[in-house]
Amino acid sequence: MNIARGKGGLDNWRCQRAKVFAHHGAKVVIADIQDELGLAVAETLGPSNSTYVRCDVTDEEQVKNAVDKAVATYGKLDIMFNNAGTADPSKPRIIDNEKSDFDRVMSVNVTGVFLGTKHAARVMIPARSGNIISTASKILPMLHFIWQVRRLDMLVATIYS
C-alpha cells in the first residue's frame, strides 16, 4: 500500500495528480486550504482511498498535523507530493510588486516546500522508506523561485540518500 500526501493548490492539474496516485493504488491525503474542493476530490476518490485535511502550507503546525493525520489514518507515509504554489501573473515586473507580494510567494512556494519536506522526512527517515516529490510553478516571471525549490530538494536528497 502506498500512502501519498499531496499538499496545496487543488486546481485541475493537481486534482488529476490525486486521481493518478489513487488509480495506481495509493491512499491519498489531500491537504489544502480549499475545503469545499478538497472534500469533493476526496469524495470522488472514495472514502477508502482518500481523506481531506485542511492545511495552510505556510503554517508549520498545520503541515505537521497533516503528515501526522496521514500516518494515523494509513499507518505510514510513502510519498510526499509538495505542489502548493502561488504567484500573481498580472504583476510580472518586479516594480509592480510590493514586498508583501514577494513575502507571500516565498512563504508558499519555498517555505511551504521546506515544511512539507521537513515533516515528511520526520516520519520517513525512521521508517527508512519514502519519497518526496516537489513541483514548482511554470509562471515564467516567477521561474527564479523554481530554483529555490530545486536547491532545497537537492540538499535534502544529498543528506538523506
Protein backbone atom coordinates (compact mmCIF):
# COMPACT_ATOMS: atom_id res chain seq x y z
CA MET A 1 0.00 0.00 0.00
CA ASN A 2 1.32 3.42 -0.91
CA ILE A 3 0.25 6.49 1.01
CA ALA A 4 0.57 9.67 -0.99
CA ARG A 5 0.06 13.02 0.64
CA GLY A 6 -0.47 15.82 -1.82
CA LYS A 7 -0.25 19.32 -0.48
CA GLY A 8 -1.62 22.52 -1.84
CA GLY A 9 -3.47 24.11 -4.69
CA LEU A 10 -6.34 21.97 -5.92
CA ASP A 11 -6.56 23.24 -9.46
CA ASN A 12 -7.44 20.79 -12.26
CA TRP A 13 -3.83 19.67 -12.72
CA ARG A 14 -3.44 18.83 -9.06
CA CYS A 15 -6.83 17.10 -8.88
CA GLN A 16 -5.69 14.89 -11.75
CA ARG A 17 -2.48 14.04 -9.88
CA ALA A 18 -4.52 12.89 -6.87
CA LYS A 19 -6.60 10.70 -9.19
CA VAL A 20 -3.46 9.22 -10.77
CA PHE A 21 -1.99 8.35 -7.36
CA ALA A 22 -5.28 6.70 -6.33
CA HIS A 23 -5.57 4.87 -9.67
CA HIS A 24 -2.17 3.31 -9.00
CA GLY A 25 -3.24 2.09 -5.57
CA ALA A 26 -2.13 4.92 -3.31
CA LYS A 27 -4.22 6.10 -0.41
CA VAL A 28 -4.30 9.87 -0.87
CA VAL A 29 -4.40 12.54 1.82
CA ILE A 30 -5.41 15.82 0.22
CA ALA A 31 -4.10 18.73 2.27
CA ASP A 32 -5.25 22.16 1.15
CA ILE A 33 -6.95 25.40 2.20
CA GLN A 34 -9.82 24.93 -0.27
CA ASP A 35 -12.13 22.89 1.94
CA GLU A 36 -15.05 22.50 -0.45
CA LEU A 37 -12.91 21.38 -3.37
CA GLY A 38 -10.68 19.19 -1.20
CA LEU A 39 -13.67 17.38 0.25
CA ALA A 40 -15.18 16.96 -3.24
CA VAL A 41 -11.97 15.46 -4.64
CA ALA A 42 -11.66 13.12 -1.64
CA GLU A 43 -15.28 12.05 -2.15
CA THR A 44 -14.62 11.40 -5.85
CA LEU A 45 -11.66 9.18 -4.97
CA GLY A 46 -13.73 7.34 -2.38
CA PRO A 47 -13.52 7.20 1.41
CA SER A 48 -11.39 4.05 1.38
CA ASN A 49 -8.84 5.69 -0.93
CA SER A 50 -8.60 9.24 0.35
CA THR A 51 -9.13 11.75 3.08
CA TYR A 52 -9.03 15.53 3.23
CA VAL A 53 -7.32 17.68 5.85
CA ARG A 54 -7.25 21.47 5.92
CA CYS A 55 -3.66 22.66 5.66
CA ASP A 56 -2.10 26.04 5.01
CA VAL A 57 1.43 25.15 3.88
CA THR A 58 2.80 28.35 5.43
CA ASP A 59 1.75 27.19 8.92
CA GLU A 60 4.17 24.62 10.34
CA GLU A 61 1.68 23.23 12.86
CA GLN A 62 -0.88 22.57 10.11
CA VAL A 63 1.73 20.84 7.92
CA LYS A 64 2.86 18.71 10.89
CA ASN A 65 -0.77 17.81 11.64
CA ALA A 66 -1.44 16.85 8.01
CA VAL A 67 1.55 14.49 7.96
CA ASP A 68 0.54 13.05 11.33
CA LYS A 69 -3.02 12.54 10.03
CA ALA A 70 -1.68 10.60 7.03
CA VAL A 71 0.33 8.31 9.32
CA ALA A 72 -2.51 7.95 11.85
CA THR A 73 -5.04 7.15 9.12
CA TYR A 74 -2.98 4.85 6.90
CA GLY A 75 -0.08 3.72 9.10
CA LYS A 76 2.72 5.31 7.08
CA LEU A 77 3.69 7.94 4.53
CA ASP A 78 5.23 6.65 1.31
CA ILE A 79 5.07 9.73 -0.91
CA MET A 80 5.03 13.42 -0.10
CA PHE A 81 3.93 15.45 -3.12
CA ASN A 82 4.78 19.10 -2.39
CA ASN A 83 2.93 21.05 -5.02
CA ALA A 84 1.48 24.17 -3.47
CA GLY A 85 2.30 27.34 -5.30
CA THR A 86 1.18 30.90 -5.74
CA ALA A 87 2.10 33.88 -7.88
CA ASP A 88 0.37 36.83 -9.45
CA PRO A 89 0.98 36.63 -13.20
CA SER A 90 -0.62 40.06 -13.57
CA LYS A 91 2.48 41.51 -11.88
CA PRO A 92 5.36 40.12 -13.95
CA ARG A 93 7.66 43.09 -13.39
CA ILE A 94 9.45 43.50 -10.09
CA ILE A 95 8.47 47.18 -9.93
CA ASP A 96 4.79 46.15 -9.95
CA ASN A 97 5.16 44.04 -6.81
CA GLU A 98 5.07 45.02 -3.18
CA LYS A 99 7.23 43.35 -0.56
CA SER A 100 4.07 41.67 0.74
CA ASP A 101 3.59 40.03 -2.70
CA PHE A 102 7.14 38.71 -2.59
CA ASP A 103 6.75 37.51 1.01
CA ARG A 104 3.57 35.60 0.14
CA VAL A 105 5.14 33.88 -2.87
CA MET A 106 8.24 32.90 -0.89
CA SER A 107 6.14 31.71 2.05
CA VAL A 108 4.01 29.37 -0.06
CA ASN A 109 6.44 28.36 -2.81
CA VAL A 110 9.64 27.93 -0.80
CA THR A 111 8.83 27.79 2.91
CA GLY A 112 5.83 25.54 2.18
CA VAL A 113 8.08 23.06 0.38
CA PHE A 114 10.59 23.22 3.24
CA LEU A 115 7.89 22.49 5.82
CA GLY A 116 6.39 19.66 3.78
CA THR A 117 9.82 18.13 3.24
CA LYS A 118 10.78 18.54 6.90
CA HIS A 119 7.69 16.83 8.26
CA ALA A 120 7.64 14.09 5.63
CA ALA A 121 11.29 13.35 6.40
CA ARG A 122 10.45 13.30 10.12
CA VAL A 123 8.32 10.18 9.56
CA MET A 124 10.14 8.70 6.55
CA ILE A 125 13.66 8.64 8.00
CA PRO A 126 12.78 6.39 10.97
CA ALA A 127 10.79 4.16 8.57
CA ARG A 128 13.80 4.08 6.20
CA SER A 129 11.33 4.45 3.37
CA GLY A 130 9.58 7.15 1.40
CA ASN A 131 9.82 9.55 -1.50
CA ILE A 132 9.44 13.31 -1.58
CA ILE A 133 8.39 14.98 -4.83
CA SER A 134 8.35 18.77 -5.10
CA THR A 135 6.99 20.73 -8.03
CA ALA A 136 7.10 24.42 -8.76
CA SER A 137 5.19 26.96 -10.82
CA LYS A 138 5.71 27.38 -14.55
CA ILE A 139 4.69 31.03 -14.45
CA LEU A 140 7.53 32.50 -16.47
CA PRO A 141 8.10 35.67 -14.47
CA MET A 142 8.44 33.51 -11.36
CA LEU A 143 10.99 30.99 -12.65
CA HIS A 144 13.61 32.12 -10.12
CA PHE A 145 11.50 30.56 -7.34
CA ILE A 146 11.69 27.16 -9.04
CA TRP A 147 15.44 27.14 -8.48
CA GLN A 148 14.94 27.63 -4.74
CA VAL A 149 12.69 24.54 -4.61
CA ARG A 150 15.15 22.56 -6.74
CA ARG A 151 18.07 23.51 -4.50
CA LEU A 152 16.16 22.50 -1.37
CA ASP A 153 15.28 19.11 -2.90
CA MET A 154 18.89 18.54 -3.96
CA LEU A 155 20.17 19.38 -0.48
CA VAL A 156 17.72 17.02 1.23
CA ALA A 157 18.42 14.24 -1.28
CA THR A 158 22.17 14.62 -0.76
CA ILE A 159 21.91 14.47 3.02
CA TYR A 160 19.37 11.65 3.38
CA SER A 161 20.00 9.33 0.45
